[in-house]
C-alpha cells in the first residue's frame, strides 16, 4: 500500500530527488543516503519487509533513471549497485534493532 501511494503521488520521486541533491555527487554518496534513510526508519517500523519493499524501494528505484541507468545493458552503470547496497544495508539495519527483526506470518 505504501509503494502504490508513493508511486501515485510522486512522493518517491520527490524524496529521491532530495537525496540526489544532498548526497548525489557520487554513487557511494547515494548508497550512504539509502543506508541513512533505512537506519532512520528501522527503530520505528517493525517489519523489515514493509520498510525495504514498501518504503525504501520506491524511493531508490527512482534514482537510477535520473542517471540513465535502466534495467538491461545500462544497469551496470549504477542501478545494480544501488539495488545491491539497498539489499545489503537492509540486512544490517534489521539486525541493529530488536523491533526491526519482527516478521509477520
PDB file of N, CA and C in Angstrom:
ATOM      1  N   UNK A   1       0.822  -1.181   0.000  1.00  0.00           N
ATOM      2  CA  UNK A   1       0.000   0.000   0.000  1.00  0.00           C
ATOM      3  C   UNK A   1       0.876   1.259   0.000  1.00  0.00           C
ATOM      4  N   UNK A   2       1.962   1.223   0.786  1.00  0.00           N
ATOM      5  CA  UNK A   2       2.863   2.383   0.805  1.00  0.00           C
ATOM      6  C   UNK A   2       3.464   2.628  -0.577  1.00  0.00           C
ATOM      7  N   UNK A   3       3.922   1.545  -1.206  1.00  0.00           N
ATOM      8  CA  UNK A   3       4.589   1.674  -2.502  1.00  0.00           C
ATOM      9  C   UNK A   3       3.649   2.252  -3.549  1.00  0.00           C
ATOM     10  N   UNK A   4       2.400   1.814  -3.564  1.00  0.00           N
ATOM     11  CA  UNK A   4       1.428   2.352  -4.524  1.00  0.00           C
ATOM     12  C   UNK A   4       1.156   3.836  -4.269  1.00  0.00           C
ATOM     13  N   UNK A   5       1.091   4.203  -3.003  1.00  0.00           N
ATOM     14  CA  UNK A   5       0.886   5.613  -2.660  1.00  0.00           C
ATOM     15  C   UNK A   5       2.054   6.478  -3.089  1.00  0.00           C
ATOM     16  N   UNK A   6       3.275   5.969  -2.893  1.00  0.00           N
ATOM     17  CA  UNK A   6       4.459   6.720  -3.320  1.00  0.00           C
ATOM     18  C   UNK A   6       4.473   6.903  -4.828  1.00  0.00           C
ATOM     19  N   UNK A   7       4.077   5.839  -5.548  1.00  0.00           N
ATOM     20  CA  UNK A   7       4.090   5.916  -6.999  1.00  0.00           C
ATOM     21  C   UNK A   7       3.000   6.851  -7.517  1.00  0.00           C
ATOM     22  N   UNK A   8       1.810   6.750  -6.938  1.00  0.00           N
ATOM     23  CA  UNK A   8       0.684   7.555  -7.421  1.00  0.00           C
ATOM     24  C   UNK A   8       0.861   9.042  -7.135  1.00  0.00           C
ATOM     25  N   UNK A   9       1.368   9.377  -5.965  1.00  0.00           N
ATOM     26  CA  UNK A   9       1.531  10.782  -5.588  1.00  0.00           C
ATOM     27  C   UNK A   9       2.846  11.385  -6.053  1.00  0.00           C
ATOM     28  N   UNK A  10       3.795  10.544  -6.442  1.00  0.00           N
ATOM     29  CA  UNK A  10       5.100  11.040  -6.858  1.00  0.00           C
ATOM     30  C   UNK A  10       6.018  11.340  -5.686  1.00  0.00           C
ATOM     31  N   UNK A  11       5.627  10.932  -4.479  1.00  0.00           N
ATOM     32  CA  UNK A  11       6.440  11.203  -3.295  1.00  0.00           C
ATOM     33  C   UNK A  11       7.789  10.494  -3.382  1.00  0.00           C
ATOM     34  N   UNK A  12       7.801   9.272  -3.905  1.00  0.00           N
ATOM     35  CA  UNK A  12       9.056   8.536  -4.032  1.00  0.00           C
ATOM     36  C   UNK A  12      10.048   9.277  -4.903  1.00  0.00           C
ATOM     37  N   UNK A  13       9.575   9.844  -6.001  1.00  0.00           N
ATOM     38  CA  UNK A  13      10.471  10.582  -6.892  1.00  0.00           C
ATOM     39  C   UNK A  13      10.953  11.870  -6.244  1.00  0.00           C
ATOM     40  N   UNK A  14      10.079  12.542  -5.495  1.00  0.00           N
ATOM     41  CA  UNK A  14      10.493  13.779  -4.825  1.00  0.00           C
ATOM     42  C   UNK A  14      11.530  13.513  -3.743  1.00  0.00           C
ATOM     43  N   UNK A  15      11.335  12.443  -2.974  1.00  0.00           N
ATOM     44  CA  UNK A  15      12.322  12.092  -1.946  1.00  0.00           C
ATOM     45  C   UNK A  15      13.631  11.679  -2.608  1.00  0.00           C
ATOM     46  N   UNK A  16      13.537  10.944  -3.731  1.00  0.00           N
ATOM     47  CA  UNK A  16      14.746  10.553  -4.452  1.00  0.00           C
ATOM     48  C   UNK A  16      15.506  11.772  -4.958  1.00  0.00           C
ATOM     49  N   UNK A  17      14.793  12.751  -5.480  1.00  0.00           N
ATOM     50  CA  UNK A  17      15.454  13.976  -5.944  1.00  0.00           C
ATOM     51  C   UNK A  17      16.105  14.733  -4.795  1.00  0.00           C
ATOM     52  N   UNK A  18      15.475  14.720  -3.629  1.00  0.00           N
ATOM     53  CA  UNK A  18      16.072  15.353  -2.456  1.00  0.00           C
ATOM     54  C   UNK A  18      17.361  14.635  -2.057  1.00  0.00           C
ATOM     55  N   UNK A  19      17.331  13.292  -2.081  1.00  0.00           N
ATOM     56  CA  UNK A  19      18.529  12.519  -1.748  1.00  0.00           C
ATOM     57  C   UNK A  19      19.647  12.790  -2.752  1.00  0.00           C
ATOM     58  N   UNK A  20      19.295  12.888  -4.029  1.00  0.00           N
ATOM     59  CA  UNK A  20      20.297  13.164  -5.054  1.00  0.00           C
ATOM     60  C   UNK A  20      20.889  14.552  -4.863  1.00  0.00           C
ATOM     61  N   UNK A  21      20.055  15.524  -4.527  1.00  0.00           N
ATOM     62  CA  UNK A  21      20.570  16.883  -4.353  1.00  0.00           C
ATOM     63  C   UNK A  21      21.494  16.994  -3.139  1.00  0.00           C
ATOM     64  N   UNK A  22      21.229  16.209  -2.094  1.00  0.00           N
ATOM     65  CA  UNK A  22      22.061  16.287  -0.894  1.00  0.00           C
ATOM     66  C   UNK A  22      23.332  15.438  -0.989  1.00  0.00           C
ATOM     67  N   UNK A  23      23.200  14.194  -1.443  1.00  0.00           N
ATOM     68  CA  UNK A  23      24.342  13.283  -1.420  1.00  0.00           C
ATOM     69  C   UNK A  23      24.616  12.634  -2.774  1.00  0.00           C
ATOM     70  N   UNK A  24      24.126  13.209  -3.868  1.00  0.00           N
ATOM     71  CA  UNK A  24      24.211  12.564  -5.163  1.00  0.00           C
ATOM     72  C   UNK A  24      25.413  12.891  -6.011  1.00  0.00           C
ATOM     73  N   UNK A  25      26.460  13.402  -5.420  1.00  0.00           N
ATOM     74  CA  UNK A  25      27.639  13.722  -6.208  1.00  0.00           C
ATOM     75  C   UNK A  25      28.368  12.455  -6.657  1.00  0.00           C
ATOM     76  N   UNK A  26      28.270  11.394  -5.855  1.00  0.00           N
ATOM     77  CA  UNK A  26      28.875  10.108  -6.205  1.00  0.00           C
ATOM     78  C   UNK A  26      27.869   8.994  -5.938  1.00  0.00           C
ATOM     79  N   UNK A  27      28.119   7.837  -6.553  1.00  0.00           N
ATOM     80  CA  UNK A  27      27.235   6.696  -6.284  1.00  0.00           C
ATOM     81  C   UNK A  27      27.405   6.201  -4.854  1.00  0.00           C
ATOM     82  N   UNK A  28      28.599   6.346  -4.308  1.00  0.00           N
ATOM     83  CA  UNK A  28      28.820   5.969  -2.918  1.00  0.00           C
ATOM     84  C   UNK A  28      27.980   6.852  -1.988  1.00  0.00           C
ATOM     85  N   UNK A  29      27.894   8.137  -2.297  1.00  0.00           N
ATOM     86  CA  UNK A  29      27.058   9.042  -1.510  1.00  0.00           C
ATOM     87  C   UNK A  29      25.591   8.638  -1.560  1.00  0.00           C
ATOM     88  N   UNK A  30      25.132   8.172  -2.708  1.00  0.00           N
ATOM     89  CA  UNK A  30      23.757   7.707  -2.813  1.00  0.00           C
ATOM     90  C   UNK A  30      23.547   6.430  -2.000  1.00  0.00           C
ATOM     91  N   UNK A  31      24.551   5.579  -1.972  1.00  0.00           N
ATOM     92  CA  UNK A  31      24.469   4.382  -1.132  1.00  0.00           C
ATOM     93  C   UNK A  31      24.368   4.742   0.340  1.00  0.00           C
ATOM     94  N   UNK A  32      25.139   5.733   0.750  1.00  0.00           N
ATOM     95  CA  UNK A  32      25.048   6.206   2.130  1.00  0.00           C
ATOM     96  C   UNK A  32      23.680   6.827   2.413  1.00  0.00           C
ATOM     97  N   UNK A  33      23.138   7.561   1.477  1.00  0.00           N
ATOM     98  CA  UNK A  33      21.820   8.172   1.664  1.00  0.00           C
ATOM     99  C   UNK A  33      20.754   7.104   1.861  1.00  0.00           C
ATOM    100  N   UNK A  34      20.821   6.039   1.073  1.00  0.00           N
ATOM    101  CA  UNK A  34      19.862   4.942   1.234  1.00  0.00           C
ATOM    102  C   UNK A  34      20.030   4.268   2.589  1.00  0.00           C
ATOM    103  N   UNK A  35      21.269   4.113   3.011  1.00  0.00           N
ATOM    104  CA  UNK A  35      21.534   3.496   4.307  1.00  0.00           C
ATOM    105  C   UNK A  35      21.017   4.362   5.443  1.00  0.00           C
ATOM    106  N   UNK A  36      21.251   5.650   5.382  1.00  0.00           N
ATOM    107  CA  UNK A  36      20.770   6.553   6.424  1.00  0.00           C
ATOM    108  C   UNK A  36      19.248   6.569   6.488  1.00  0.00           C
ATOM    109  N   UNK A  37      18.600   6.525   5.332  1.00  0.00           N
ATOM    110  CA  UNK A  37      17.137   6.515   5.314  1.00  0.00           C
ATOM    111  C   UNK A  37      16.602   5.253   5.978  1.00  0.00           C
ATOM    112  N   UNK A  38      17.188   4.108   5.660  1.00  0.00           N
ATOM    113  CA  UNK A  38      16.740   2.858   6.268  1.00  0.00           C
ATOM    114  C   UNK A  38      17.075   2.825   7.749  1.00  0.00           C
ATOM    115  N   UNK A  39      18.228   3.341   8.106  1.00  0.00           N
ATOM    116  CA  UNK A  39      18.632   3.377   9.513  1.00  0.00           C
ATOM    117  C   UNK A  39      17.692   4.256  10.335  1.00  0.00           C
ATOM    118  N   UNK A  40      17.213   5.339   9.745  1.00  0.00           N
ATOM    119  CA  UNK A  40      16.284   6.220  10.459  1.00  0.00           C
ATOM    120  C   UNK A  40      14.919   5.568  10.664  1.00  0.00           C
ATOM    121  N   UNK A  41      14.510   4.713   9.742  1.00  0.00           N
ATOM    122  CA  UNK A  41      13.202   4.074   9.840  1.00  0.00           C
ATOM    123  C   UNK A  41      13.212   2.787  10.657  1.00  0.00           C
ATOM    124  N   UNK A  42      14.355   2.136  10.780  1.00  0.00           N
ATOM    125  CA  UNK A  42      14.445   0.817  11.410  1.00  0.00           C
ATOM    126  C   UNK A  42      13.895   0.744  12.834  1.00  0.00           C
ATOM    127  N   UNK A  43      14.161   1.702  13.713  1.00  0.00           N
ATOM    128  CA  UNK A  43      13.637   1.558  15.074  1.00  0.00           C
ATOM    129  C   UNK A  43      12.117   1.702  15.168  1.00  0.00           C
ATOM    130  N   UNK A  44      11.509   2.328  14.186  1.00  0.00           N
ATOM    131  CA  UNK A  44      10.090   2.637  14.281  1.00  0.00           C
ATOM    132  C   UNK A  44       9.201   1.762  13.412  1.00  0.00           C
ATOM    133  N   UNK A  45       9.765   1.109  12.413  1.00  0.00           N
ATOM    134  CA  UNK A  45       8.992   0.269  11.505  1.00  0.00           C
ATOM    135  C   UNK A  45       9.380  -1.180  11.771  1.00  0.00           C
ATOM    136  N   UNK A  46       8.526  -1.947  12.439  1.00  0.00           N
ATOM    137  CA  UNK A  46       8.938  -3.262  12.896  1.00  0.00           C
ATOM    138  C   UNK A  46       9.144  -4.296  11.802  1.00  0.00           C
ATOM    139  N   UNK A  47       8.539  -4.152  10.667  1.00  0.00           N
ATOM    140  CA  UNK A  47       8.674  -5.155   9.623  1.00  0.00           C
ATOM    141  C   UNK A  47       9.745  -4.736   8.619  1.00  0.00           C
ATOM    142  N   UNK A  48      10.789  -5.567   8.486  1.00  0.00           N
ATOM    143  CA  UNK A  48      11.836  -5.217   7.534  1.00  0.00           C
ATOM    144  C   UNK A  48      11.336  -5.324   6.101  1.00  0.00           C
ATOM    145  N   UNK A  49      10.337  -6.164   5.853  1.00  0.00           N
ATOM    146  CA  UNK A  49       9.759  -6.249   4.517  1.00  0.00           C
ATOM    147  C   UNK A  49       8.998  -4.969   4.181  1.00  0.00           C
ATOM    148  N   UNK A  50       8.205  -4.483   5.119  1.00  0.00           N
ATOM    149  CA  UNK A  50       7.459  -3.243   4.877  1.00  0.00           C
ATOM    150  C   UNK A  50       8.408  -2.065   4.713  1.00  0.00           C
ATOM    151  N   UNK A  51       9.474  -2.071   5.485  1.00  0.00           N
ATOM    152  CA  UNK A  51      10.417  -0.963   5.409  1.00  0.00           C
ATOM    153  C   UNK A  51      11.187  -0.975   4.091  1.00  0.00           C
ATOM    154  N   UNK A  52      11.686  -2.140   3.701  1.00  0.00           N
ATOM    155  CA  UNK A  52      12.512  -2.172   2.497  1.00  0.00           C
ATOM    156  C   UNK A  52      11.678  -2.170   1.226  1.00  0.00           C
ATOM    157  N   UNK A  53      10.652  -2.998   1.145  1.00  0.00           N
ATOM    158  CA  UNK A  53       9.871  -3.099  -0.093  1.00  0.00           C
ATOM    159  C   UNK A  53       8.797  -2.024  -0.205  1.00  0.00           C
ATOM    160  N   UNK A  54       8.277  -1.567   0.909  1.00  0.00           N
ATOM    161  CA  UNK A  54       7.196  -0.600   0.853  1.00  0.00           C
ATOM    162  C   UNK A  54       7.619   0.842   0.981  1.00  0.00           C
ATOM    163  N   UNK A  55       8.775   1.092   1.566  1.00  0.00           N
ATOM    164  CA  UNK A  55       9.185   2.466   1.798  1.00  0.00           C
ATOM    165  C   UNK A  55      10.493   2.818   1.088  1.00  0.00           C
ATOM    166  N   UNK A  56      11.521   2.013   1.256  1.00  0.00           N
ATOM    167  CA  UNK A  56      12.833   2.339   0.693  1.00  0.00           C
ATOM    168  C   UNK A  56      12.899   2.054  -0.809  1.00  0.00           C
ATOM    169  N   UNK A  57      12.390   0.900  -1.246  1.00  0.00           N
ATOM    170  CA  UNK A  57      12.490   0.545  -2.669  1.00  0.00           C
ATOM    171  C   UNK A  57      11.822   1.557  -3.600  1.00  0.00           C
ATOM    172  N   UNK A  58      10.605   2.052  -3.294  1.00  0.00           N
ATOM    173  CA  UNK A  58      10.016   3.046  -4.208  1.00  0.00           C
ATOM    174  C   UNK A  58      10.851   4.318  -4.352  1.00  0.00           C
ATOM    175  N   UNK A  59      11.592   4.648  -3.336  1.00  0.00           N
ATOM    176  CA  UNK A  59      12.452   5.831  -3.409  1.00  0.00           C
ATOM    177  C   UNK A  59      13.714   5.505  -4.209  1.00  0.00           C
ATOM    178  N   UNK A  60      14.368   4.397  -3.873  1.00  0.00           N
ATOM    179  CA  UNK A  60      15.621   4.026  -4.529  1.00  0.00           C
ATOM    180  C   UNK A  60      15.410   3.713  -6.009  1.00  0.00           C
ATOM    181  N   UNK A  61      14.278   3.125  -6.354  1.00  0.00           N
ATOM    182  CA  UNK A  61      14.050   2.753  -7.753  1.00  0.00           C
ATOM    183  C   UNK A  61      13.885   3.964  -8.659  1.00  0.00           C
ATOM    184  N   UNK A  62      13.658   5.138  -8.104  1.00  0.00           N
ATOM    185  CA  UNK A  62      13.538   6.356  -8.907  1.00  0.00           C
ATOM    186  C   UNK A  62      14.885   7.029  -9.179  1.00  0.00           C
ATOM    187  N   UNK A  63      15.936   6.597  -8.525  1.00  0.00           N
ATOM    188  CA  UNK A  63      17.239   7.254  -8.684  1.00  0.00           C
ATOM    189  C   UNK A  63      17.988   6.810  -9.945  1.00  0.00           C
ATOM    190  N   UNK A  64      18.142   5.523 -10.246  1.00  0.00           N
ATOM    191  CA  UNK A  64      18.931   5.141 -11.433  1.00  0.00           C
ATOM    192  C   UNK A  64      18.452   5.745 -12.752  1.00  0.00           C
ATOM    193  N   UNK A  65      17.144   5.872 -13.025  1.00  0.00           N
ATOM    194  CA  UNK A  65      16.764   6.509 -14.292  1.00  0.00           C
ATOM    195  C   UNK A  65      17.238   7.959 -14.424  1.00  0.00           C
ATOM    196  N   UNK A  66      17.464   8.638 -13.300  1.00  0.00           N
ATOM    197  CA  UNK A  66      17.978  10.005 -13.353  1.00  0.00           C
ATOM    198  C   UNK A  66      19.393  10.037 -13.925  1.00  0.00           C
ATOM    199  N   UNK A  67      20.114   8.934 -13.765  1.00  0.00           N
ATOM    200  CA  UNK A  67      21.489   8.833 -14.248  1.00  0.00           C
ATOM    201  C   UNK A  67      21.594   7.945 -15.484  1.00  0.00           C
ATOM    202  N   UNK A  68      20.491   7.737 -16.186  1.00  0.00           N
ATOM    203  CA  UNK A  68      20.427   6.932 -17.423  1.00  0.00           C
ATOM    204  C   UNK A  68      20.869   5.488 -17.193  1.00  0.00           C
ATOM    205  N   UNK A  69      20.510   4.925 -16.047  1.00  0.00           N
ATOM    206  CA  UNK A  69      20.806   3.532 -15.740  1.00  0.00           C
ATOM    207  C   UNK A  69      19.474   2.789 -15.631  1.00  0.00           C
ATOM    208  N   UNK A  70      19.082   2.142 -16.711  1.00  0.00           N
ATOM    209  CA  UNK A  70      17.817   1.408 -16.790  1.00  0.00           C
ATOM    210  C   UNK A  70      18.096  -0.088 -16.697  1.00  0.00           C
ATOM    211  N   UNK A  71      17.070  -0.899 -16.382  1.00  0.00           N
ATOM    212  CA  UNK A  71      17.273  -2.349 -16.409  1.00  0.00           C
ATOM    213  C   UNK A  71      17.717  -2.799 -17.803  1.00  0.00           C
ATOM    214  N   UNK A  72      18.631  -3.715 -17.842  1.00  0.00           N
ATOM    215  CA  UNK A  72      19.164  -4.201 -19.115  1.00  0.00           C
ATOM    216  C   UNK A  72      20.640  -3.889 -19.244  1.00  0.00           C
ATOM    217  N   UNK A  73      21.075  -3.496 -20.436  1.00  0.00           N
ATOM    218  CA  UNK A  73      22.506  -3.278 -20.662  1.00  0.00           C
ATOM    219  C   UNK A  73      23.108  -2.137 -19.839  1.00  0.00           C
ATOM    220  N   UNK A  74      22.322  -1.130 -19.511  1.00  0.00           N
ATOM    221  CA  UNK A  74      22.877   0.010 -18.768  1.00  0.00           C
ATOM    222  C   UNK A  74      22.731  -0.135 -17.264  1.00  0.00           C
ATOM    223  N   UNK A  75      22.228  -1.274 -16.780  1.00  0.00           N
ATOM    224  CA  UNK A  75      22.032  -1.421 -15.333  1.00  0.00           C
ATOM    225  C   UNK A  75      23.344  -1.445 -14.570  1.00  0.00           C
ATOM    226  N   UNK A  76      24.434  -1.768 -15.241  1.00  0.00           N
ATOM    227  CA  UNK A  76      25.741  -1.796 -14.585  1.00  0.00           C
ATOM    228  C   UNK A  76      26.285  -0.422 -14.260  1.00  0.00           C
ATOM    229  N   UNK A  77      25.687   0.612 -14.815  1.00  0.00           N
ATOM    230  CA  UNK A  77      26.170   1.967 -14.530  1.00  0.00           C
ATOM    231  C   UNK A  77      26.017   2.293 -13.057  1.00  0.00           C
ATOM    232  N   UNK A  78      24.803   2.157 -12.536  1.00  0.00           N
ATOM    233  CA  UNK A  78      24.595   2.479 -11.133  1.00  0.00           C
ATOM    234  C   UNK A  78      23.403   1.751 -10.537  1.00  0.00           C
ATOM    235  N   UNK A  79      22.443   1.359 -11.345  1.00  0.00           N
ATOM    236  CA  UNK A  79      21.225   0.726 -10.836  1.00  0.00           C
ATOM    237  C   UNK A  79      21.491  -0.549 -10.071  1.00  0.00           C
ATOM    238  N   UNK A  80      22.334  -1.402 -10.615  1.00  0.00           N
ATOM    239  CA  UNK A  80      22.670  -2.647  -9.932  1.00  0.00           C
ATOM    240  C   UNK A  80      23.358  -2.405  -8.599  1.00  0.00           C
ATOM    241  N   UNK A  81      24.254  -1.435  -8.579  1.00  0.00           N
ATOM    242  CA  UNK A  81      24.959  -1.092  -7.344  1.00  0.00           C
ATOM    243  C   UNK A  81      23.990  -0.616  -6.266  1.00  0.00           C
ATOM    244  N   UNK A  82      23.101   0.296  -6.618  1.00  0.00           N
ATOM    245  CA  UNK A  82      22.161   0.830  -5.620  1.00  0.00           C
ATOM    246  C   UNK A  82      21.209  -0.237  -5.107  1.00  0.00           C
ATOM    247  N   UNK A  83      20.736  -1.113  -5.983  1.00  0.00           N
ATOM    248  CA  UNK A  83      19.832  -2.176  -5.536  1.00  0.00           C
ATOM    249  C   UNK A  83      20.561  -3.147  -4.611  1.00  0.00           C
ATOM    250  N   UNK A  84      21.814  -3.460  -4.942  1.00  0.00           N
ATOM    251  CA  UNK A  84      22.585  -4.361  -4.089  1.00  0.00           C
ATOM    252  C   UNK A  84      22.875  -3.718  -2.737  1.00  0.00           C
ATOM    253  N   UNK A  85      23.263  -2.462  -2.734  1.00  0.00           N
ATOM    254  CA  UNK A  85      23.525  -1.757  -1.475  1.00  0.00           C
ATOM    255  C   UNK A  85      22.254  -1.703  -0.627  1.00  0.00           C
ATOM    256  N   UNK A  86      21.125  -1.459  -1.266  1.00  0.00           N
ATOM    257  CA  UNK A  86      19.851  -1.400  -0.539  1.00  0.00           C
ATOM    258  C   UNK A  86      19.532  -2.741   0.103  1.00  0.00           C
ATOM    259  N   UNK A  87      19.774  -3.832  -0.617  1.00  0.00           N
ATOM    260  CA  UNK A  87      19.529  -5.161  -0.073  1.00  0.00           C
ATOM    261  C   UNK A  87      20.450  -5.459   1.105  1.00  0.00           C
ATOM    262  N   UNK A  88      21.730  -5.171   0.956  1.00  0.00           N
ATOM    263  CA  UNK A  88      22.701  -5.479   1.999  1.00  0.00           C
ATOM    264  C   UNK A  88      22.468  -4.631   3.243  1.00  0.00           C
ATOM    265  N   UNK A  89      22.221  -3.336   3.061  1.00  0.00           N
ATOM    266  CA  UNK A  89      22.047  -2.485   4.246  1.00  0.00           C
ATOM    267  C   UNK A  89      20.748  -2.804   4.969  1.00  0.00           C
ATOM    268  N   UNK A  90      19.770  -3.347   4.273  1.00  0.00           N
ATOM    269  CA  UNK A  90      18.527  -3.745   4.939  1.00  0.00           C
ATOM    270  C   UNK A  90      18.803  -4.889   5.904  1.00  0.00           C
ATOM    271  N   UNK A  91      19.676  -5.804   5.528  1.00  0.00           N
ATOM    272  CA  UNK A  91      20.051  -6.896   6.426  1.00  0.00           C
ATOM    273  C   UNK A  91      20.784  -6.372   7.663  1.00  0.00           C
ATOM    274  N   UNK A  92      21.643  -5.393   7.463  1.00  0.00           N
ATOM    275  CA  UNK A  92      22.409  -4.832   8.578  1.00  0.00           C
ATOM    276  C   UNK A  92      21.504  -4.052   9.523  1.00  0.00           C
ATOM    277  N   UNK A  93      20.670  -3.174   8.990  1.00  0.00           N
ATOM    278  CA  UNK A  93      19.809  -2.369   9.868  1.00  0.00           C
ATOM    279  C   UNK A  93      18.750  -3.220  10.553  1.00  0.00           C
ATOM    280  N   UNK A  94      18.361  -4.346   9.949  1.00  0.00           N
ATOM    281  CA  UNK A  94      17.403  -5.241  10.603  1.00  0.00           C
ATOM    282  C   UNK A  94      18.003  -5.879  11.837  1.00  0.00           C
ATOM    283  N   UNK A  95      19.289  -6.134  11.809  1.00  0.00           N
ATOM    284  CA  UNK A  95      19.924  -6.770  12.961  1.00  0.00           C
ATOM    285  C   UNK A  95      20.347  -5.773  14.035  1.00  0.00           C
ATOM    286  N   UNK A  96      20.275  -4.487  13.751  1.00  0.00           N
ATOM    287  CA  UNK A  96      20.714  -3.488  14.730  1.00  0.00           C
ATOM    288  C   UNK A  96      19.670  -3.214  15.814  1.00  0.00           C
ATOM    289  N   UNK A  97      18.399  -3.383  15.472  1.00  0.00           N
ATOM    290  CA  UNK A  97      17.338  -3.049  16.403  1.00  0.00           C
ATOM    291  C   UNK A  97      16.437  -4.256  16.599  1.00  0.00           C
ATOM    292  N   UNK A  98      16.038  -4.506  17.825  1.00  0.00           N
ATOM    293  CA  UNK A  98      15.188  -5.647  18.116  1.00  0.00           C
ATOM    294  C   UNK A  98      13.841  -5.512  17.408  1.00  0.00           C
ATOM    295  N   UNK A  99      13.301  -4.318  17.341  1.00  0.00           N
ATOM    296  CA  UNK A  99      11.989  -4.150  16.700  1.00  0.00           C
ATOM    297  C   UNK A  99      12.085  -4.342  15.192  1.00  0.00           C
ATOM    298  N   UNK A 100      13.230  -4.138  14.604  1.00  0.00           N
ATOM    299  CA  UNK A 100      13.373  -4.277  13.159  1.00  0.00           C
ATOM    300  C   UNK A 100      13.453  -5.743  12.726  1.00  0.00           C
ATOM    301  N   UNK A 101      13.549  -6.659  13.667  1.00  0.00           N
ATOM    302  CA  UNK A 101      13.635  -8.065  13.329  1.00  0.00           C
ATOM    303  C   UNK A 101      12.267  -8.739  13.265  1.00  0.00           C
ATOM    304  N   UNK A 102      11.217  -8.038  13.639  1.00  0.00           N
ATOM    305  CA  UNK A 102       9.883  -8.641  13.658  1.00  0.00           C
ATOM    306  C   UNK A 102       9.436  -8.976  12.243  1.00  0.00           C
ATOM    307  N   UNK A 103       8.802 -10.092  12.121  1.00  0.00           N
ATOM    308  CA  UNK A 103       8.271 -10.523  10.823  1.00  0.00           C
ATOM    309  C   UNK A 103       6.822 -10.958  10.999  1.00  0.00           C
ATOM    310  N   UNK A 104       6.030 -10.645  10.039  1.00  0.00           N
ATOM    311  CA  UNK A 104       4.641 -11.103  10.050  1.00  0.00           C
ATOM    312  C   UNK A 104       4.529 -12.490   9.433  1.00  0.00           C
ATOM    313  N   UNK A 105       3.477 -13.185   9.764  1.00  0.00           N
ATOM    314  CA  UNK A 105       3.268 -14.517   9.166  1.00  0.00           C
ATOM    315  C   UNK A 105       2.177 -14.472   8.165  1.00  0.00           C
TER     316      UNK A 105
END
